[in-house]
C-alpha atoms as a PDB file:
ATOM      1  CA  MET A   1      26.357  28.946 -13.778  1.00  0.00           C
ATOM      2  CA  LYS A   2      23.701  29.302 -16.477  1.00  0.00           C
ATOM      3  CA  GLU A   3      24.559  25.855 -17.858  1.00  0.00           C
ATOM      4  CA  LYS A   4      24.280  24.403 -14.354  1.00  0.00           C
ATOM      5  CA  ASN A   5      20.851  25.976 -13.815  1.00  0.00           C
ATOM      6  CA  THR A   6      19.665  24.659 -17.177  1.00  0.00           C
ATOM      7  CA  ARG A   7      20.861  21.155 -16.330  1.00  0.00           C
ATOM      8  CA  PHE A   8      19.157  21.383 -12.943  1.00  0.00           C
ATOM      9  CA  ARG A   9      15.836  22.378 -14.550  1.00  0.00           C
ATOM     10  CA  VAL A  10      16.095  19.615 -17.141  1.00  0.00           C
ATOM     11  CA  VAL A  11      16.560  17.036 -14.378  1.00  0.00           C
ATOM     12  CA  ASP A  12      13.565  18.512 -12.538  1.00  0.00           C
ATOM     13  CA  ILE A  13      11.423  18.163 -15.663  1.00  0.00           C
ATOM     14  CA  LEU A  14      12.534  14.549 -16.113  1.00  0.00           C
ATOM     15  CA  LEU A  15      11.680  13.767 -12.499  1.00  0.00           C
ATOM     16  CA  ILE A  16       8.238  15.366 -12.864  1.00  0.00           C
ATOM     17  CA  LEU A  17       7.654  13.237 -15.956  1.00  0.00           C
ATOM     18  CA  MET A  18       8.779  10.230 -13.921  1.00  0.00           C
ATOM     19  CA  MET A  19       5.981  10.999 -11.466  1.00  0.00           C
ATOM     20  CA  VAL A  20       3.267  11.737 -14.034  1.00  0.00           C
ATOM     21  CA  LEU A  21       3.897   9.314 -16.900  1.00  0.00           C
ATOM     22  CA  PRO A  22       3.291   6.109 -14.862  1.00  0.00           C
ATOM     23  CA  LEU A  23      -0.159   7.423 -13.898  1.00  0.00           C
ATOM     24  CA  VAL A  24      -0.888   8.289 -17.529  1.00  0.00           C
ATOM     25  CA  ALA A  25       0.268   4.804 -18.528  1.00  0.00           C
ATOM     26  CA  ALA A  26      -2.067   3.233 -15.958  1.00  0.00           C
ATOM     27  CA  ILE A  27      -5.029   5.208 -17.334  1.00  0.00           C
ATOM     28  CA  ALA A  28      -4.106   4.317 -20.934  1.00  0.00           C
ATOM     29  CA  LEU A  29      -3.796   0.653 -19.994  1.00  0.00           C
ATOM     30  CA  LYS A  30      -7.219   0.739 -18.348  1.00  0.00           C
ATOM     31  CA  VAL A  31      -8.816   2.317 -21.435  1.00  0.00           C
ATOM     32  CA  CYS A  32      -7.076   0.061 -23.950  1.00  0.00           C
ATOM     33  CA  THR A  33      -7.510  -3.253 -22.109  1.00  0.00           C
ATOM     34  CA  PRO A  34     -10.935  -4.106 -23.669  1.00  0.00           C
ATOM     35  CA  LEU A  35      -9.604  -3.217 -27.126  1.00  0.00           C
ATOM     36  CA  ILE A  36      -6.487  -5.355 -26.671  1.00  0.00           C
ATOM     37  CA  ASP A  37      -8.505  -8.320 -25.392  1.00  0.00           C
ATOM     38  CA  ALA A  38     -10.934  -8.061 -28.307  1.00  0.00           C
ATOM     39  CA  TRP A  39      -8.026  -7.940 -30.768  1.00  0.00           C
ATOM     40  CA  LEU A  40      -6.160 -10.881 -29.193  1.00  0.00           C
ATOM     41  CA  HIS A  41      -9.249 -13.128 -29.050  1.00  0.00           C
ATOM     42  CA  ASN A  42     -10.651 -11.927 -32.398  1.00  0.00           C
ATOM     43  CA  GLN A  43     -13.884 -10.783 -30.780  1.00  0.00           C
ATOM     44  CA  PRO A  44     -16.017  -7.645 -31.208  1.00  0.00           C
ATOM     45  CA  ILE A  45     -15.344  -4.726 -28.899  1.00  0.00           C
ATOM     46  CA  PRO A  46     -17.629  -5.079 -25.850  1.00  0.00           C
ATOM     47  CA  GLU A  47     -20.290  -2.441 -25.434  1.00  0.00           C
ATOM     48  CA  VAL A  48     -20.318  -0.199 -22.384  1.00  0.00           C
ATOM     49  CA  SER A  49     -22.898  -1.513 -19.927  1.00  0.00           C
ATOM     50  CA  ASP A  50     -25.124   0.696 -17.785  1.00  0.00           C
ATOM     51  CA  GLY A  51     -25.367  -2.003 -15.126  1.00  0.00           C
ATOM     52  CA  ILE A  52     -23.190  -2.547 -12.100  1.00  0.00           C
ATOM     53  CA  SER A  53     -19.823  -4.217 -12.531  1.00  0.00           C
ATOM     54  CA  ILE A  54     -17.597  -5.222  -9.629  1.00  0.00           C
ATOM     55  CA  ALA A  55     -14.662  -7.355 -10.726  1.00  0.00           C
ATOM     56  CA  GLY A  56     -11.156  -8.154  -9.620  1.00  0.00           C
ATOM     57  CA  ALA A  57      -7.895  -7.277 -11.286  1.00  0.00           C
ATOM     58  CA  HIS A  58      -7.716  -8.061 -14.989  1.00  0.00           C
ATOM     59  CA  ILE A  59      -5.378 -10.952 -15.862  1.00  0.00           C
ATOM     60  CA  PHE A  60      -3.009 -10.046 -18.705  1.00  0.00           C
ATOM     61  CA  LEU A  61      -0.678 -13.022 -18.815  1.00  0.00           C
ATOM     62  CA  GLU A  62      -0.054 -16.444 -17.285  1.00  0.00           C
ATOM     63  CA  ILE A  63       3.506 -17.751 -17.317  1.00  0.00           C
ATOM     64  CA  PRO A  64       3.773 -21.557 -16.882  1.00  0.00           C
ATOM     65  CA  MET A  65       5.643 -22.577 -13.736  1.00  0.00           C
ATOM     66  CA  PRO A  66       6.382 -26.009 -12.191  1.00  0.00           C
ATOM     67  CA  ILE A  67       4.152 -25.605  -9.126  1.00  0.00           C
ATOM     68  CA  GLN A  68       1.739 -22.844 -10.090  1.00  0.00           C
ATOM     69  CA  ASN A  69       1.432 -20.493 -13.051  1.00  0.00           C
ATOM     70  CA  LEU A  70       2.778 -16.971 -12.547  1.00  0.00           C
ATOM     71  CA  VAL A  71      -0.135 -14.627 -13.160  1.00  0.00           C
ATOM     72  CA  ILE A  72       0.511 -11.042 -14.288  1.00  0.00           C
ATOM     73  CA  THR A  73      -2.499  -8.924 -13.342  1.00  0.00           C
ATOM     74  CA  GLU A  74      -3.623  -5.329 -13.523  1.00  0.00           C
ATOM     75  CA  ALA A  75      -2.928  -4.927  -9.804  1.00  0.00           C
ATOM     76  CA  GLN A  76       0.728  -5.953 -10.177  1.00  0.00           C
ATOM     77  CA  ILE A  77       1.335  -3.615 -13.103  1.00  0.00           C
ATOM     78  CA  ASN A  78      -0.319  -0.687 -11.311  1.00  0.00           C
ATOM     79  CA  ALA A  79       1.711  -1.469  -8.193  1.00  0.00           C
ATOM     80  CA  TRP A  80       4.953  -1.207 -10.171  1.00  0.00           C
ATOM     81  CA  LEU A  81       3.782   2.041 -11.789  1.00  0.00           C
ATOM     82  CA  ILE A  82       3.078   3.468  -8.322  1.00  0.00           C
ATOM     83  CA  LEU A  83       6.587   2.492  -7.230  1.00  0.00           C
ATOM     84  CA  ILE A  84       8.028   4.455 -10.155  1.00  0.00           C
ATOM     85  CA  THR A  85       5.865   7.467  -9.258  1.00  0.00           C
ATOM     86  CA  ILE A  86       6.934   7.357  -5.600  1.00  0.00           C
ATOM     87  CA  LEU A  87      10.590   7.002  -6.615  1.00  0.00           C
ATOM     88  CA  GLY A  88      10.237  10.023  -8.897  1.00  0.00           C
ATOM     89  CA  ALA A  89       8.660  12.045  -6.068  1.00  0.00           C
ATOM     90  CA  CYS A  90      11.477  11.108  -3.659  1.00  0.00           C
ATOM     91  CA  LEU A  91      14.150  12.055  -6.196  1.00  0.00           C
ATOM     92  CA  PHE A  92      12.364  15.325  -7.015  1.00  0.00           C
ATOM     93  CA  PHE A  93      12.081  16.487  -3.399  1.00  0.00           C
ATOM     94  CA  THR A  94      15.678  15.520  -2.611  1.00  0.00           C
ATOM     95  CA  HIS A  95      17.188  16.947  -5.792  1.00  0.00           C
ATOM     96  CA  GLY A  96      19.743  19.659  -5.103  1.00  0.00           C
ATOM     97  CA  LEU A  97      19.866  19.430  -1.305  1.00  0.00           C
ATOM     98  CA  LYS A  98      22.134  22.057   0.295  1.00  0.00           C
ATOM     99  CA  GLU A  99      23.157  22.854   3.838  1.00  0.00           C
ATOM    100  CA  ASP A 100      23.494  26.614   3.448  1.00  0.00           C
ATOM    101  CA  LYS A 101      20.495  27.328   1.208  1.00  0.00           C
ATOM    102  CA  ARG A 102      17.161  25.596   1.780  1.00  0.00           C
ATOM    103  CA  ASP A 103      14.320  25.865  -0.716  1.00  0.00           C
ATOM    104  CA  TRP A 104      10.683  24.789  -0.353  1.00  0.00           C
ATOM    105  CA  ARG A 105      11.381  21.247  -1.569  1.00  0.00           C
ATOM    106  CA  GLN A 106      14.128  20.671   0.949  1.00  0.00           C
ATOM    107  CA  MET A 107      11.957  22.028   3.769  1.00  0.00           C
ATOM    108  CA  ALA A 108       9.100  19.739   2.681  1.00  0.00           C
ATOM    109  CA  ALA A 109      11.435  16.726   2.590  1.00  0.00           C
ATOM    110  CA  GLU A 110      12.865  17.579   6.019  1.00  0.00           C
ATOM    111  CA  TRP A 111       9.363  18.005   7.445  1.00  0.00           C
ATOM    112  CA  VAL A 112       8.333  14.554   6.173  1.00  0.00           C
ATOM    113  CA  VAL A 113      11.486  12.956   7.611  1.00  0.00           C
ATOM    114  CA  GLU A 114      11.015  14.662  11.000  1.00  0.00           C
ATOM    115  CA  LYS A 115       7.359  13.626  11.242  1.00  0.00           C
ATOM    116  CA  LEU A 116       8.187  10.068  10.184  1.00  0.00           C
ATOM    117  CA  ASP A 117      11.022   9.793  12.710  1.00  0.00           C
ATOM    118  CA  GLY A 118       8.703  11.124  15.420  1.00  0.00           C
ATOM    119  CA  LEU A 119       5.999   8.612  14.498  1.00  0.00           C
ATOM    120  CA  VAL A 120       8.403   5.666  14.581  1.00  0.00           C
ATOM    121  CA  GLU A 121      10.074   6.853  17.787  1.00  0.00           C
ATOM    122  CA  SER A 122       6.719   7.278  19.569  1.00  0.00           C
ATOM    123  CA  SER A 123       5.444   3.863  18.480  1.00  0.00           C
ATOM    124  CA  MET A 124       8.715   1.911  18.706  1.00  0.00           C
ATOM    125  CA  GLU A 125      11.842   2.221  20.779  1.00  0.00           C
ATOM    126  CA  GLU A 126      14.691   4.555  19.835  1.00  0.00           C
ATOM    127  CA  LEU A 127      16.573   1.438  18.781  1.00  0.00           C
ATOM    128  CA  PHE A 128      14.317   1.022  15.721  1.00  0.00           C
ATOM    129  CA  ARG A 129      14.125   4.618  14.509  1.00  0.00           C
ATOM    130  CA  LYS A 130      17.057   4.642  12.084  1.00  0.00           C
ATOM    131  CA  SER A 131      16.522   1.129  10.742  1.00  0.00           C
ATOM    132  CA  TYR A 132      12.727   1.105  10.395  1.00  0.00           C
ATOM    133  CA  ALA A 133      11.748   4.713   9.630  1.00  0.00           C
ATOM    134  CA  PRO A 134      12.432   4.337   5.858  1.00  0.00           C
ATOM    135  CA  PHE A 135      10.477   1.067   5.759  1.00  0.00           C
ATOM    136  CA  ILE A 136       7.484   2.542   7.577  1.00  0.00           C
ATOM    137  CA  GLY A 137       7.563   5.583   5.291  1.00  0.00           C
ATOM    138  CA  ALA A 138       7.568   3.287   2.252  1.00  0.00           C
ATOM    139  CA  ILE A 139       4.593   1.319   3.614  1.00  0.00           C
ATOM    140  CA  LEU A 140       2.629   4.523   4.280  1.00  0.00           C
ATOM    141  CA  ALA A 141       3.329   6.041   0.858  1.00  0.00           C
ATOM    142  CA  TYR A 142       2.826   2.791  -1.050  1.00  0.00           C
ATOM    143  CA  SER A 143      -0.468   1.901   0.629  1.00  0.00           C
ATOM    144  CA  ALA A 144      -1.943   5.408   0.457  1.00  0.00           C
ATOM    145  CA  CYS A 145      -0.977   5.939  -3.199  1.00  0.00           C
ATOM    146  CA  SER A 146      -2.324   2.494  -4.107  1.00  0.00           C
ATOM    147  CA  SER A 147      -5.717   3.323  -2.622  1.00  0.00           C
ATOM    148  CA  LEU A 148      -5.771   6.774  -4.250  1.00  0.00           C
ATOM    149  CA  MET A 149      -5.374   5.205  -7.702  1.00  0.00           C
ATOM    150  CA  SER A 150      -9.149   4.743  -7.791  1.00  0.00           C
ATOM    151  CA  LEU A 151      -9.546   8.534  -8.031  1.00  0.00           C
ATOM    152  CA  ILE A 152      -8.229   8.419 -11.607  1.00  0.00           C
ATOM    153  CA  GLY A 153     -10.413   5.457 -12.546  1.00  0.00           C
ATOM    154  CA  VAL A 154      -7.651   2.842 -12.271  1.00  0.00           C
ATOM    155  CA  PHE A 155      -7.840  -0.446 -10.381  1.00  0.00           C
ATOM    156  CA  PRO A 156      -6.182   0.174  -6.980  1.00  0.00           C
ATOM    157  CA  PRO A 157      -3.619  -2.503  -5.996  1.00  0.00           C
ATOM    158  CA  THR A 158      -4.973  -2.460  -2.426  1.00  0.00           C
ATOM    159  CA  SER A 159      -8.183  -4.005  -3.804  1.00  0.00           C
ATOM    160  CA  ASP A 160      -6.182  -7.162  -4.609  1.00  0.00           C
ATOM    161  CA  VAL A 161      -5.624  -9.398  -1.600  1.00  0.00           C
ATOM    162  CA  ASN A 162      -2.437 -10.844  -3.129  1.00  0.00           C
ATOM    163  CA  VAL A 163      -0.676  -7.464  -3.094  1.00  0.00           C
ATOM    164  CA  ILE A 164      -1.439  -6.824   0.570  1.00  0.00           C
ATOM    165  CA  ALA A 165      -0.568 -10.417   1.429  1.00  0.00           C
ATOM    166  CA  GLY A 166       2.909  -9.768   0.043  1.00  0.00           C
ATOM    167  CA  TRP A 167       3.322  -6.794   2.378  1.00  0.00           C
ATOM    168  CA  SER A 168       2.093  -8.835   5.342  1.00  0.00           C
ATOM    169  CA  ILE A 169       4.503 -11.681   4.579  1.00  0.00           C
ATOM    170  CA  LEU A 170       7.364  -9.179   4.510  1.00  0.00           C
ATOM    171  CA  VAL A 171       6.248  -7.798   7.898  1.00  0.00           C
ATOM    172  CA  PHE A 172       6.011 -11.374   9.222  1.00  0.00           C
ATOM    173  CA  VAL A 173       9.622 -11.995   8.134  1.00  0.00           C
ATOM    174  CA  LEU A 174      10.728  -8.883  10.047  1.00  0.00           C
ATOM    175  CA  ILE A 175       8.794 -10.013  13.130  1.00  0.00           C
ATOM    176  CA  THR A 176      10.419 -13.453  13.011  1.00  0.00           C
ATOM    177  CA  LYS A 177      13.836 -11.886  12.454  1.00  0.00           C
ATOM    178  CA  ASN A 178      13.452  -9.828  15.633  1.00  0.00           C
ATOM    179  CA  LYS A 179      12.296 -12.839  17.630  1.00  0.00           C
ATOM    180  CA  LEU A 180      15.364 -14.810  16.505  1.00  0.00           C
ATOM    181  CA  LYS A 181      17.775 -12.145  17.799  1.00  0.00           C
ATOM    182  CA  ALA A 182      17.805 -13.872  21.195  1.00  0.00           C
ATOM    183  CA  GLY A 183      18.616 -17.216  19.589  1.00  0.00           C
ATOM    184  CA  PHE A 184      16.587 -19.986  18.006  1.00  0.00           C
ATOM    185  CA  GLY A 185      16.226 -21.760  21.354  1.00  0.00           C
ATOM    186  CA  ASN A 186      14.527 -18.768  22.941  1.00  0.00           C
ATOM    187  CA  TYR A 187      12.278 -18.412  19.864  1.00  0.00           C
ATOM    188  CA  ALA A 188      11.229 -22.079  19.985  1.00  0.00           C
ATOM    189  CA  LYS A 189      10.736 -21.872  23.743  1.00  0.00           C
ATOM    190  CA  GLY A 190       8.143 -19.126  23.238  1.00  0.00           C
ATOM    191  CA  PHE A 191       5.799 -21.613  21.536  1.00  0.00           C
ATOM    192  CA  LEU A 192       5.686 -23.674  24.749  1.00  0.00           C
ATOM    193  CA  GLU A 193       4.723 -20.820  27.058  1.00  0.00           C
ATOM    194  CA  PRO A 194       2.979 -20.573  29.421  1.00  0.00           C
ATOM    195  CA  ILE A 195       2.494 -24.372  29.272  1.00  0.00           C
ATOM    196  CA  PRO A 196       3.540 -26.895  26.561  1.00  0.00           C
ATOM    197  CA  VAL A 197      -0.073 -27.795  25.786  1.00  0.00           C
ATOM    198  CA  MET A 198      -0.468 -24.294  24.263  1.00  0.00           C
ATOM    199  CA  LEU A 199       1.862 -25.205  21.364  1.00  0.00           C
ATOM    200  CA  PRO A 200      -0.921 -25.530  18.720  1.00  0.00           C
ATOM    201  CA  MET A 201      -2.557 -22.266  19.826  1.00  0.00           C
ATOM    202  CA  ASN A 202       0.769 -20.411  19.813  1.00  0.00           C
ATOM    203  CA  ILE A 203       1.511 -21.662  16.288  1.00  0.00           C
ATOM    204  CA  LEU A 204      -1.928 -20.496  15.124  1.00  0.00           C
ATOM    205  CA  GLY A 205      -1.352 -17.134  16.800  1.00  0.00           C
ATOM    206  CA  GLU A 206       1.962 -16.766  14.974  1.00  0.00           C
ATOM    207  CA  VAL A 207       0.404 -17.504  11.590  1.00  0.00           C
ATOM    208  CA  ALA A 208      -2.661 -15.361  12.325  1.00  0.00           C
ATOM    209  CA  THR A 209      -0.621 -12.135  12.420  1.00  0.00           C
ATOM    210  CA  PRO A 210       0.018 -11.761   8.656  1.00  0.00           C
ATOM    211  CA  ILE A 211      -3.436 -13.159   7.825  1.00  0.00           C
ATOM    212  CA  SER A 212      -5.246 -10.661  10.055  1.00  0.00           C
ATOM    213  CA  MET A 213      -3.160  -7.743   8.720  1.00  0.00           C
ATOM    214  CA  THR A 214      -3.935  -8.793   5.146  1.00  0.00           C
ATOM    215  CA  PHE A 215      -7.683  -9.184   5.450  1.00  0.00           C
ATOM    216  CA  ARG A 216      -8.129  -6.126   7.693  1.00  0.00           C
ATOM    217  CA  HIS A 217      -6.544  -3.840   5.105  1.00  0.00           C
ATOM    218  CA  PHE A 218      -8.058  -5.574   2.076  1.00  0.00           C
ATOM    219  CA  GLY A 219     -11.548  -5.840   3.594  1.00  0.00           C
ATOM    220  CA  ASN A 220     -11.763  -2.173   4.545  1.00  0.00           C
ATOM    221  CA  VAL A 221     -10.517  -0.881   1.195  1.00  0.00           C
ATOM    222  CA  MET A 222     -12.551  -3.307  -0.919  1.00  0.00           C
ATOM    223  CA  SER A 223     -15.748  -2.863   1.075  1.00  0.00           C
ATOM    224  CA  GLY A 224     -15.530   0.917   0.613  1.00  0.00           C
ATOM    225  CA  SER A 225     -15.226   0.534  -3.155  1.00  0.00           C
ATOM    226  CA  VAL A 226     -18.178  -1.881  -3.279  1.00  0.00           C
ATOM    227  CA  ILE A 227     -20.400   0.382  -1.144  1.00  0.00           C
ATOM    228  CA  ALA A 228     -19.592   3.470  -3.246  1.00  0.00           C
ATOM    229  CA  THR A 229     -20.315   1.556  -6.470  1.00  0.00           C
ATOM    230  CA  LEU A 230     -23.626   0.192  -5.204  1.00  0.00           C
ATOM    231  CA  ILE A 231     -24.811   3.611  -4.034  1.00  0.00           C
ATOM    232  CA  ALA A 232     -23.840   5.245  -7.356  1.00  0.00           C
ATOM    233  CA  TRP A 233     -25.720   2.525  -9.269  1.00  0.00           C
ATOM    234  CA  ALA A 234     -28.792   2.874  -7.038  1.00  0.00           C
ATOM    235  CA  LEU A 235     -28.857   6.656  -7.448  1.00  0.00           C
ATOM    236  CA  GLN A 236     -28.538   6.322 -11.213  1.00  0.00           C
ATOM    237  CA  ASN A 237     -31.565   3.992 -11.393  1.00  0.00           C
ATOM    238  CA  LEU A 238     -33.548   6.124  -8.942  1.00  0.00           C
ATOM    239  CA  SER A 239     -32.874   9.192 -11.085  1.00  0.00           C
ATOM    240  CA  ARG A 240     -34.226   7.355 -14.145  1.00  0.00           C
ATOM    241  CA  MET A 241     -37.364   6.313 -12.274  1.00  0.00           C
ATOM    242  CA  VAL A 242     -38.122   9.729 -10.755  1.00  0.00           C
ATOM    243  CA  LEU A 243     -36.768  12.167 -13.342  1.00  0.00           C
ATOM    244  CA  GLY A 244     -36.725  10.016 -16.466  1.00  0.00           C
ATOM    245  CA  GLY A 245     -39.918  11.654 -17.732  1.00  0.00           C
ATOM    246  CA  LEU A 246     -38.292  15.049 -18.196  1.00  0.00           C
ATOM    247  CA  PRO A 247     -38.308  16.261 -21.817  1.00  0.00           C
ATOM    248  CA  GLY A 248     -35.362  15.714 -24.138  1.00  0.00           C
ATOM    249  CA  ILE A 249     -31.874  15.183 -22.871  1.00  0.00           C
ATOM    250  CA  LEU A 250     -32.860  16.255 -19.359  1.00  0.00           C
ATOM    251  CA  GLY A 251     -34.449  12.847 -18.773  1.00  0.00           C
ATOM    252  CA  GLU A 252     -31.126  11.127 -19.490  1.00  0.00           C
ATOM    253  CA  ILE A 253     -29.091  13.157 -16.974  1.00  0.00           C
ATOM    254  CA  PRO A 254     -28.734  11.301 -13.623  1.00  0.00           C
ATOM    255  CA  PHE A 255     -29.374  14.355 -11.436  1.00  0.00           C
ATOM    256  CA  LEU A 256     -29.614  12.310  -8.230  1.00  0.00           C
ATOM    257  CA  GLN A 257     -26.169  10.857  -8.931  1.00  0.00           C
ATOM    258  CA  ILE A 258     -24.556  14.286  -8.770  1.00  0.00           C
ATOM    259  CA  GLY A 259     -22.870  15.167  -5.474  1.00  0.00           C
ATOM    260  CA  LEU A 260     -23.280  12.194  -3.149  1.00  0.00           C
ATOM    261  CA  PRO A 261     -20.997   9.746  -5.025  1.00  0.00           C
ATOM    262  CA  ALA A 262     -18.298  12.418  -5.053  1.00  0.00           C
ATOM    263  CA  VAL A 263     -18.615  12.863  -1.287  1.00  0.00           C
ATOM    264  CA  LEU A 264     -18.491   9.100  -0.780  1.00  0.00           C
ATOM    265  CA  SER A 265     -15.416   8.937  -3.010  1.00  0.00           C
ATOM    266  CA  VAL A 266     -13.687  11.529  -0.845  1.00  0.00           C
ATOM    267  CA  TYR A 267     -14.395   9.403   2.229  1.00  0.00           C
ATOM    268  CA  PHE A 268     -13.787   5.879   0.922  1.00  0.00           C
ATOM    269  CA  ASP A 269     -10.971   6.629  -1.534  1.00  0.00           C
ATOM    270  CA  VAL A 270      -9.124   9.462   0.207  1.00  0.00           C
ATOM    271  CA  PHE A 271      -9.871   9.458   3.924  1.00  0.00           C
ATOM    272  CA  SER A 272     -10.414   5.732   4.415  1.00  0.00           C
ATOM    273  CA  GLY A 273      -7.501   4.810   2.120  1.00  0.00           C
ATOM    274  CA  CYS A 274      -5.080   7.022   4.067  1.00  0.00           C
ATOM    275  CA  ILE A 275      -6.442   5.799   7.402  1.00  0.00           C
ATOM    276  CA  GLN A 276      -5.950   2.153   6.379  1.00  0.00           C
ATOM    277  CA  ALA A 277      -2.384   2.931   5.342  1.00  0.00           C
ATOM    278  CA  TYR A 278      -1.768   4.504   8.755  1.00  0.00           C
ATOM    279  CA  ILE A 279      -3.339   1.526  10.563  1.00  0.00           C
ATOM    280  CA  PHE A 280      -1.238  -0.971   8.595  1.00  0.00           C
ATOM    281  CA  ALA A 281       1.916   1.009   9.407  1.00  0.00           C
ATOM    282  CA  MET A 282       0.974   1.201  13.106  1.00  0.00           C
ATOM    283  CA  LEU A 283       0.323  -2.560  13.268  1.00  0.00           C
ATOM    284  CA  THR A 284       3.676  -3.136  11.585  1.00  0.00           C
ATOM    285  CA  MET A 285       5.498  -0.998  14.138  1.00  0.00           C
ATOM    286  CA  LEU A 286       3.701  -2.541  17.120  1.00  0.00           C
ATOM    287  CA  ASN A 287       4.214  -6.124  15.957  1.00  0.00           C
ATOM    288  CA  VAL A 288       7.871  -5.633  15.037  1.00  0.00           C
ATOM    289  CA  SER A 289       8.788  -3.765  18.214  1.00  0.00           C
ATOM    290  CA  GLY A 290       6.737  -6.158  20.350  1.00  0.00           C
ATOM    291  CA  ALA A 291       8.610  -9.107  18.889  1.00  0.00           C
ATOM    292  CA  TYR A 292      11.983  -7.741  19.986  1.00  0.00           C
ATOM    293  CA  PRO A 293      13.084  -9.874  22.996  1.00  0.00           C
ATOM    294  CA  ALA A 294      14.827  -7.131  24.951  1.00  0.00           C
ATOM    295  CA  ASP A 295      14.812  -9.022  28.280  1.00  0.00           C
ATOM    296  CA  ALA A 296      16.108 -12.239  26.711  1.00  0.00           C
ATOM    297  CA  ILE A 297      18.865 -10.379  24.867  1.00  0.00           C
ATOM    298  CA  ALA A 298      19.890  -8.512  28.037  1.00  0.00           C
ATOM    299  CA  GLU A 299      19.982 -11.785  29.961  1.00  0.00           C
ATOM    300  CA  ARG A 300      22.024 -13.412  27.234  1.00  0.00           C
ATOM    301  CA  LEU A 301      24.542 -10.550  27.181  1.00  0.00           C
ATOM    302  CA  ALA A 302      24.793 -10.632  30.980  1.00  0.00           C
ATOM    303  CA  LYS A 303      25.645 -14.349  30.869  1.00  0.00           C
ATOM    304  CA  ARG A 304      28.303 -13.707  28.249  1.00  0.00           C
ATOM    305  CA  GLU A 305      29.881 -10.945  30.326  1.00  0.00           C
ATOM    306  CA  ALA A 306      29.818 -13.131  33.431  1.00  0.00           C
ATOM    307  CA  LYS A 307      31.415 -15.986  31.505  1.00  0.00           C
ATOM    308  CA  LYS A 308      34.177 -13.688  30.182  1.00  0.00           C
ATOM    309  CA  ALA A 309      34.824 -12.305  33.648  1.00  0.00           C
ATOM    310  CA  LYS A 310      35.047 -15.819  35.063  1.00  0.00           C
ATOM    311  CA  VAL A 311      37.532 -16.897  32.388  1.00  0.00           C
ATOM    312  CA  ALA A 312      39.625 -13.773  32.947  1.00  0.00           C
END
């Protein structure tokens, strides 16, 4: 029994490290990136600038490809590190599940599953609960954790439009898969409704779904980061202008920058990031469930049953 408890605790420690070490690696990569670039290009280490700097994800590597080079960026690496952290959290909270004895981790895991099932069931039909609840939970956790990466000073993957575009393309594939459940003929017929002249508009409407989901999520997250950065920079300069004449080191302390940027970070990084994750998940559920041709499938099944009865 003692050996079993020791093994259980060792696994717990490994799972906790699996959650923490990817975040530490992301911070270390962020700190060491300028040093690595200076070493690779044989250039002096860049000095820290007091000015404003708003840039995209750092490009680490370009792999030659026939059509287009495969670019490995900071956003992709951080996205993979977040996946490892989320996987570690899932394994930690589901480690040692028992039916007769429930601990706080099992109750927390059951609470998350119940709330997620309720969210999917209230937004989609009961038909989708078992098949789509894990996917919606993954979207919520992945998007929220990606946005929260900015709290530790790391580039958040949700600030890269390519990352969110990948999610939207995956959602678009699921939407198309549901539409094809009534047959390709019924799917193609939908582009000609209500009249055939609407074909170009219907095609644009089909393509607009992943594009609108991408830029809605990316625009809200990125705009929040830009606004918070601009306000912090403005307060820093205002503090120098107003309080820069104070004696000694007091004149170098940006007093006006204390407080407000932290409040803005709580809103833009925490509240807004979680809200955007929830909105993306809701749009996914509505678009996927709305694409399911229930009437066409019921009509198709009725015709099959009638045909079988006629043959019999």
